[in-house]
């Protein structure tokens, strides 16, 4: 699979949360004039009692893998 067709993901950090964003790669067959930039997929508050688990759910949304997937260092 070519990386040119992969959706791009980013983490954004605010003062109180981590935010997961995505945008389709314009070369993936999506009309570049219709791509409106980054789309917010979810957030996890730093104060959340289950922060680690909620952050794992965000990661699973982006990677499509399970919570037990190995992470690169």
PDB file of N, CA and C in Angstrom:
ATOM      1  N   UNK A   1       0.835  -1.175   0.000  1.00  0.00           N
ATOM      2  CA  UNK A   1       0.000   0.000   0.000  1.00  0.00           C
ATOM      3  C   UNK A   1       0.880   1.239   0.000  1.00  0.00           C
ATOM      4  N   UNK A   2       0.567   2.168  -0.803  1.00  0.00           N
ATOM      5  CA  UNK A   2       1.305   3.421  -0.883  1.00  0.00           C
ATOM      6  C   UNK A   2       0.893   4.340   0.249  1.00  0.00           C
ATOM      7  N   UNK A   3       1.852   5.028   0.839  1.00  0.00           N
ATOM      8  CA  UNK A   3       1.545   5.982   1.896  1.00  0.00           C
ATOM      9  C   UNK A   3       0.837   7.213   1.352  1.00  0.00           C
ATOM     10  N   UNK A   4       0.848   7.402   0.023  1.00  0.00           N
ATOM     11  CA  UNK A   4       0.174   8.546  -0.573  1.00  0.00           C
ATOM     12  C   UNK A   4      -1.327   8.513  -0.369  1.00  0.00           C
ATOM     13  N   UNK A   5      -1.895   7.347  -0.121  1.00  0.00           N
ATOM     14  CA  UNK A   5      -3.343   7.238  -0.006  1.00  0.00           C
ATOM     15  C   UNK A   5      -3.828   7.147   1.438  1.00  0.00           C
ATOM     16  N   UNK A   6      -2.936   7.329   2.382  1.00  0.00           N
ATOM     17  CA  UNK A   6      -3.275   7.156   3.788  1.00  0.00           C
ATOM     18  C   UNK A   6      -3.844   8.452   4.366  1.00  0.00           C
ATOM     19  N   UNK A   7      -4.883   8.313   5.177  1.00  0.00           N
ATOM     20  CA  UNK A   7      -5.416   9.464   5.902  1.00  0.00           C
ATOM     21  C   UNK A   7      -4.379   9.922   6.906  1.00  0.00           C
ATOM     22  N   UNK A   8      -4.239  11.223   7.062  1.00  0.00           N
ATOM     23  CA  UNK A   8      -3.276  11.772   8.001  1.00  0.00           C
ATOM     24  C   UNK A   8      -3.958  12.017   9.343  1.00  0.00           C
ATOM     25  N   UNK A   9      -3.227  11.766  10.424  1.00  0.00           N
ATOM     26  CA  UNK A   9      -3.724  11.991  11.772  1.00  0.00           C
ATOM     27  C   UNK A   9      -2.753  12.882  12.523  1.00  0.00           C
ATOM     28  N   UNK A  10      -3.278  13.619  13.503  1.00  0.00           N
ATOM     29  CA  UNK A  10      -2.441  14.476  14.326  1.00  0.00           C
ATOM     30  C   UNK A  10      -3.021  14.544  15.732  1.00  0.00           C
ATOM     31  N   UNK A  11      -2.133  14.756  16.686  1.00  0.00           N
ATOM     32  CA  UNK A  11      -2.556  15.046  18.048  1.00  0.00           C
ATOM     33  C   UNK A  11      -2.335  16.525  18.293  1.00  0.00           C
ATOM     34  N   UNK A  12      -3.308  17.140  18.907  1.00  0.00           N
ATOM     35  CA  UNK A  12      -3.218  18.543  19.274  1.00  0.00           C
ATOM     36  C   UNK A  12      -3.376  18.621  20.792  1.00  0.00           C
ATOM     37  N   UNK A  13      -2.534  19.418  21.423  1.00  0.00           N
ATOM     38  CA  UNK A  13      -2.567  19.539  22.877  1.00  0.00           C
ATOM     39  C   UNK A  13      -3.045  20.933  23.266  1.00  0.00           C
ATOM     40  N   UNK A  14      -4.080  20.980  24.088  1.00  0.00           N
ATOM     41  CA  UNK A  14      -4.533  22.254  24.646  1.00  0.00           C
ATOM     42  C   UNK A  14      -4.144  22.262  26.116  1.00  0.00           C
ATOM     43  N   UNK A  15      -4.525  23.269  26.840  1.00  0.00           N
ATOM     44  CA  UNK A  15      -4.180  23.356  28.250  1.00  0.00           C
ATOM     45  C   UNK A  15      -4.836  22.296  29.106  1.00  0.00           C
ATOM     46  N   UNK A  16      -5.932  21.703  28.613  1.00  0.00           N
ATOM     47  CA  UNK A  16      -6.661  20.744  29.437  1.00  0.00           C
ATOM     48  C   UNK A  16      -6.952  19.399  28.779  1.00  0.00           C
ATOM     49  N   UNK A  17      -6.515  19.196  27.521  1.00  0.00           N
ATOM     50  CA  UNK A  17      -6.863  17.944  26.846  1.00  0.00           C
ATOM     51  C   UNK A  17      -5.936  17.635  25.672  1.00  0.00           C
ATOM     52  N   UNK A  18      -6.014  16.385  25.227  1.00  0.00           N
ATOM     53  CA  UNK A  18      -5.371  15.919  24.000  1.00  0.00           C
ATOM     54  C   UNK A  18      -6.483  15.717  22.990  1.00  0.00           C
ATOM     55  N   UNK A  19      -6.281  16.180  21.757  1.00  0.00           N
ATOM     56  CA  UNK A  19      -7.299  16.089  20.714  1.00  0.00           C
ATOM     57  C   UNK A  19      -6.753  15.294  19.534  1.00  0.00           C
ATOM     58  N   UNK A  20      -7.554  14.382  18.994  1.00  0.00           N
ATOM     59  CA  UNK A  20      -7.193  13.617  17.805  1.00  0.00           C
ATOM     60  C   UNK A  20      -7.868  14.250  16.599  1.00  0.00           C
ATOM     61  N   UNK A  21      -7.070  14.543  15.571  1.00  0.00           N
ATOM     62  CA  UNK A  21      -7.563  15.164  14.340  1.00  0.00           C
ATOM     63  C   UNK A  21      -7.223  14.269  13.154  1.00  0.00           C
ATOM     64  N   UNK A  22      -8.010  14.371  12.091  1.00  0.00           N
ATOM     65  CA  UNK A  22      -7.697  13.626  10.867  1.00  0.00           C
ATOM     66  C   UNK A  22      -8.014  14.484   9.658  1.00  0.00           C
ATOM     67  N   UNK A  23      -7.373  14.153   8.561  1.00  0.00           N
ATOM     68  CA  UNK A  23      -7.708  14.756   7.269  1.00  0.00           C
ATOM     69  C   UNK A  23      -7.333  13.762   6.184  1.00  0.00           C
ATOM     70  N   UNK A  24      -8.182  13.648   5.177  1.00  0.00           N
ATOM     71  CA  UNK A  24      -7.849  12.749   4.072  1.00  0.00           C
ATOM     72  C   UNK A  24      -6.712  13.334   3.253  1.00  0.00           C
ATOM     73  N   UNK A  25      -5.875  12.476   2.754  1.00  0.00           N
ATOM     74  CA  UNK A  25      -4.794  12.914   1.883  1.00  0.00           C
ATOM     75  C   UNK A  25      -5.412  13.256   0.530  1.00  0.00           C
ATOM     76  N   UNK A  26      -5.194  14.461  -0.003  1.00  0.00           N
ATOM     77  CA  UNK A  26      -5.810  14.856  -1.283  1.00  0.00           C
ATOM     78  C   UNK A  26      -5.461  13.933  -2.446  1.00  0.00           C
ATOM     79  N   UNK A  27      -4.367  13.204  -2.350  1.00  0.00           N
ATOM     80  CA  UNK A  27      -4.001  12.292  -3.439  1.00  0.00           C
ATOM     81  C   UNK A  27      -4.712  10.955  -3.338  1.00  0.00           C
ATOM     82  N   UNK A  28      -5.574  10.793  -2.319  1.00  0.00           N
ATOM     83  CA  UNK A  28      -6.237   9.499  -2.114  1.00  0.00           C
ATOM     84  C   UNK A  28      -7.529   9.367  -2.913  1.00  0.00           C
ATOM     85  N   UNK A  29      -7.685  10.181  -3.950  1.00  0.00           N
ATOM     86  CA  UNK A  29      -8.883  10.097  -4.759  1.00  0.00           C
ATOM     87  C   UNK A  29      -9.952  11.066  -4.312  1.00  0.00           C
ATOM     88  N   UNK A  30      -9.700  11.788  -3.227  1.00  0.00           N
ATOM     89  CA  UNK A  30     -10.641  12.791  -2.741  1.00  0.00           C
ATOM     90  C   UNK A  30     -10.408  14.064  -3.535  1.00  0.00           C
ATOM     91  N   UNK A  31     -11.476  14.685  -3.977  1.00  0.00           N
ATOM     92  CA  UNK A  31     -11.378  15.948  -4.696  1.00  0.00           C
ATOM     93  C   UNK A  31     -10.747  16.981  -3.776  1.00  0.00           C
ATOM     94  N   UNK A  32      -9.564  17.486  -4.124  1.00  0.00           N
ATOM     95  CA  UNK A  32      -8.811  18.417  -3.280  1.00  0.00           C
ATOM     96  C   UNK A  32      -9.620  19.681  -2.975  1.00  0.00           C
ATOM     97  N   UNK A  33     -10.527  20.068  -3.825  1.00  0.00           N
ATOM     98  CA  UNK A  33     -11.325  21.266  -3.568  1.00  0.00           C
ATOM     99  C   UNK A  33     -12.383  21.015  -2.501  1.00  0.00           C
ATOM    100  N   UNK A  34     -12.668  19.740  -2.213  1.00  0.00           N
ATOM    101  CA  UNK A  34     -13.685  19.404  -1.212  1.00  0.00           C
ATOM    102  C   UNK A  34     -13.082  19.107   0.157  1.00  0.00           C
ATOM    103  N   UNK A  35     -11.750  18.990   0.238  1.00  0.00           N
ATOM    104  CA  UNK A  35     -11.095  18.712   1.515  1.00  0.00           C
ATOM    105  C   UNK A  35     -11.045  20.006   2.309  1.00  0.00           C
ATOM    106  N   UNK A  36     -11.660  20.012   3.467  1.00  0.00           N
ATOM    107  CA  UNK A  36     -11.764  21.250   4.240  1.00  0.00           C
ATOM    108  C   UNK A  36     -10.755  21.330   5.373  1.00  0.00           C
ATOM    109  N   UNK A  37      -9.760  20.496   5.391  1.00  0.00           N
ATOM    110  CA  UNK A  37      -8.750  20.558   6.441  1.00  0.00           C
ATOM    111  C   UNK A  37      -8.948  19.493   7.499  1.00  0.00           C
ATOM    112  N   UNK A  38      -8.491  19.807   8.683  1.00  0.00           N
ATOM    113  CA  UNK A  38      -8.507  18.852   9.780  1.00  0.00           C
ATOM    114  C   UNK A  38      -9.899  18.725  10.387  1.00  0.00           C
ATOM    115  N   UNK A  39     -10.246  17.482  10.753  1.00  0.00           N
ATOM    116  CA  UNK A  39     -11.530  17.183  11.388  1.00  0.00           C
ATOM    117  C   UNK A  39     -11.276  16.619  12.779  1.00  0.00           C
ATOM    118  N   UNK A  40     -11.961  17.133  13.772  1.00  0.00           N
ATOM    119  CA  UNK A  40     -11.803  16.683  15.153  1.00  0.00           C
ATOM    120  C   UNK A  40     -12.499  15.340  15.332  1.00  0.00           C
ATOM    121  N   UNK A  41     -11.758  14.330  15.816  1.00  0.00           N
ATOM    122  CA  UNK A  41     -12.341  13.006  16.029  1.00  0.00           C
ATOM    123  C   UNK A  41     -12.682  12.720  17.490  1.00  0.00           C
ATOM    124  N   UNK A  42     -11.923  13.315  18.386  1.00  0.00           N
ATOM    125  CA  UNK A  42     -12.181  13.067  19.793  1.00  0.00           C
ATOM    126  C   UNK A  42     -11.160  13.756  20.673  1.00  0.00           C
ATOM    127  N   UNK A  43     -11.459  13.795  21.968  1.00  0.00           N
ATOM    128  CA  UNK A  43     -10.579  14.439  22.943  1.00  0.00           C
ATOM    129  C   UNK A  43     -10.539  13.623  24.222  1.00  0.00           C
ATOM    130  N   UNK A  44      -9.451  13.812  24.969  1.00  0.00           N
ATOM    131  CA  UNK A  44      -9.316  13.220  26.296  1.00  0.00           C
ATOM    132  C   UNK A  44      -8.802  14.311  27.223  1.00  0.00           C
ATOM    133  N   UNK A  45      -9.567  14.583  28.282  1.00  0.00           N
ATOM    134  CA  UNK A  45      -9.147  15.567  29.280  1.00  0.00           C
ATOM    135  C   UNK A  45      -8.011  14.996  30.117  1.00  0.00           C
ATOM    136  N   UNK A  46      -7.016  15.838  30.429  1.00  0.00           N
ATOM    137  CA  UNK A  46      -5.897  15.407  31.266  1.00  0.00           C
ATOM    138  C   UNK A  46      -6.371  14.984  32.655  1.00  0.00           C
ATOM    139  N   UNK A  47      -7.458  15.577  33.132  1.00  0.00           N
ATOM    140  CA  UNK A  47      -7.985  15.294  34.468  1.00  0.00           C
ATOM    141  C   UNK A  47      -8.870  14.042  34.504  1.00  0.00           C
ATOM    142  N   UNK A  48      -9.139  13.444  33.350  1.00  0.00           N
ATOM    143  CA  UNK A  48     -10.031  12.275  33.293  1.00  0.00           C
ATOM    144  C   UNK A  48      -9.439  11.120  34.100  1.00  0.00           C
ATOM    145  N   UNK A  49     -10.275  10.486  34.906  1.00  0.00           N
ATOM    146  CA  UNK A  49      -9.790   9.402  35.770  1.00  0.00           C
ATOM    147  C   UNK A  49      -9.262   8.214  34.963  1.00  0.00           C
ATOM    148  N   UNK A  50      -9.845   7.947  33.809  1.00  0.00           N
ATOM    149  CA  UNK A  50      -9.389   6.858  32.945  1.00  0.00           C
ATOM    150  C   UNK A  50      -8.592   7.385  31.755  1.00  0.00           C
ATOM    151  N   UNK A  51      -7.686   8.340  32.015  1.00  0.00           N
ATOM    152  CA  UNK A  51      -6.942   9.006  30.935  1.00  0.00           C
ATOM    153  C   UNK A  51      -6.226   8.009  30.030  1.00  0.00           C
ATOM    154  N   UNK A  52      -5.504   7.078  30.615  1.00  0.00           N
ATOM    155  CA  UNK A  52      -4.730   6.116  29.816  1.00  0.00           C
ATOM    156  C   UNK A  52      -5.630   5.303  28.890  1.00  0.00           C
ATOM    157  N   UNK A  53      -6.738   4.811  29.410  1.00  0.00           N
ATOM    158  CA  UNK A  53      -7.662   4.001  28.611  1.00  0.00           C
ATOM    159  C   UNK A  53      -8.322   4.840  27.518  1.00  0.00           C
ATOM    160  N   UNK A  54      -8.699   6.074  27.842  1.00  0.00           N
ATOM    161  CA  UNK A  54      -9.329   6.949  26.852  1.00  0.00           C
ATOM    162  C   UNK A  54      -8.343   7.319  25.751  1.00  0.00           C
ATOM    163  N   UNK A  55      -7.083   7.544  26.123  1.00  0.00           N
ATOM    164  CA  UNK A  55      -6.066   7.843  25.123  1.00  0.00           C
ATOM    165  C   UNK A  55      -5.817   6.627  24.236  1.00  0.00           C
ATOM    166  N   UNK A  56      -5.875   5.447  24.800  1.00  0.00           N
ATOM    167  CA  UNK A  56      -5.741   4.213  24.019  1.00  0.00           C
ATOM    168  C   UNK A  56      -6.873   4.092  23.010  1.00  0.00           C
ATOM    169  N   UNK A  57      -8.103   4.469  23.399  1.00  0.00           N
ATOM    170  CA  UNK A  57      -9.232   4.430  22.454  1.00  0.00           C
ATOM    171  C   UNK A  57      -9.003   5.390  21.291  1.00  0.00           C
ATOM    172  N   UNK A  58      -8.454   6.579  21.567  1.00  0.00           N
ATOM    173  CA  UNK A  58      -8.140   7.523  20.482  1.00  0.00           C
ATOM    174  C   UNK A  58      -7.105   6.917  19.536  1.00  0.00           C
ATOM    175  N   UNK A  59      -6.080   6.298  20.117  1.00  0.00           N
ATOM    176  CA  UNK A  59      -5.040   5.675  19.289  1.00  0.00           C
ATOM    177  C   UNK A  59      -5.633   4.578  18.405  1.00  0.00           C
ATOM    178  N   UNK A  60      -6.553   3.797  18.953  1.00  0.00           N
ATOM    179  CA  UNK A  60      -7.195   2.732  18.179  1.00  0.00           C
ATOM    180  C   UNK A  60      -8.024   3.303  17.035  1.00  0.00           C
ATOM    181  N   UNK A  61      -8.634   4.473  17.251  1.00  0.00           N
ATOM    182  CA  UNK A  61      -9.393   5.125  16.179  1.00  0.00           C
ATOM    183  C   UNK A  61      -8.473   5.463  15.008  1.00  0.00           C
ATOM    184  N   UNK A  62      -7.264   5.914  15.310  1.00  0.00           N
ATOM    185  CA  UNK A  62      -6.339   6.335  14.267  1.00  0.00           C
ATOM    186  C   UNK A  62      -5.633   5.163  13.603  1.00  0.00           C
ATOM    187  N   UNK A  63      -5.269   4.152  14.387  1.00  0.00           N
ATOM    188  CA  UNK A  63      -4.475   3.056  13.833  1.00  0.00           C
ATOM    189  C   UNK A  63      -5.325   1.904  13.321  1.00  0.00           C
ATOM    190  N   UNK A  64      -6.542   1.787  13.843  1.00  0.00           N
ATOM    191  CA  UNK A  64      -7.389   0.662  13.462  1.00  0.00           C
ATOM    192  C   UNK A  64      -6.948  -0.633  14.125  1.00  0.00           C
ATOM    193  N   UNK A  65      -5.988  -0.543  15.046  1.00  0.00           N
ATOM    194  CA  UNK A  65      -5.519  -1.744  15.737  1.00  0.00           C
ATOM    195  C   UNK A  65      -6.091  -1.804  17.140  1.00  0.00           C
ATOM    196  N   UNK A  66      -5.893  -2.920  17.781  1.00  0.00           N
ATOM    197  CA  UNK A  66      -6.409  -3.107  19.130  1.00  0.00           C
ATOM    198  C   UNK A  66      -5.579  -2.402  20.177  1.00  0.00           C
ATOM    199  N   UNK A  67      -6.095  -2.399  21.383  1.00  0.00           N
ATOM    200  CA  UNK A  67      -5.419  -1.708  22.495  1.00  0.00           C
ATOM    201  C   UNK A  67      -4.104  -2.359  22.870  1.00  0.00           C
ATOM    202  N   UNK A  68      -3.906  -3.611  22.497  1.00  0.00           N
ATOM    203  CA  UNK A  68      -2.671  -4.302  22.854  1.00  0.00           C
ATOM    204  C   UNK A  68      -1.596  -4.202  21.773  1.00  0.00           C
ATOM    205  N   UNK A  69      -1.823  -3.379  20.752  1.00  0.00           N
ATOM    206  CA  UNK A  69      -0.840  -3.212  19.671  1.00  0.00           C
ATOM    207  C   UNK A  69       0.426  -2.554  20.221  1.00  0.00           C
ATOM    208  N   UNK A  70       1.574  -3.006  19.720  1.00  0.00           N
ATOM    209  CA  UNK A  70       2.845  -2.427  20.148  1.00  0.00           C
ATOM    210  C   UNK A  70       2.984  -1.028  19.586  1.00  0.00           C
ATOM    211  N   UNK A  71       3.569  -0.154  20.380  1.00  0.00           N
ATOM    212  CA  UNK A  71       3.805   1.219  19.960  1.00  0.00           C
ATOM    213  C   UNK A  71       5.269   1.401  19.591  1.00  0.00           C
ATOM    214  N   UNK A  72       5.542   2.187  18.549  1.00  0.00           N
ATOM    215  CA  UNK A  72       6.941   2.477  18.223  1.00  0.00           C
ATOM    216  C   UNK A  72       7.529   3.387  19.291  1.00  0.00           C
ATOM    217  N   UNK A  73       8.812   3.258  19.501  1.00  0.00           N
ATOM    218  CA  UNK A  73       9.477   4.120  20.492  1.00  0.00           C
ATOM    219  C   UNK A  73      10.011   5.344  19.840  1.00  0.00           C
TER     220      UNK A  73
END
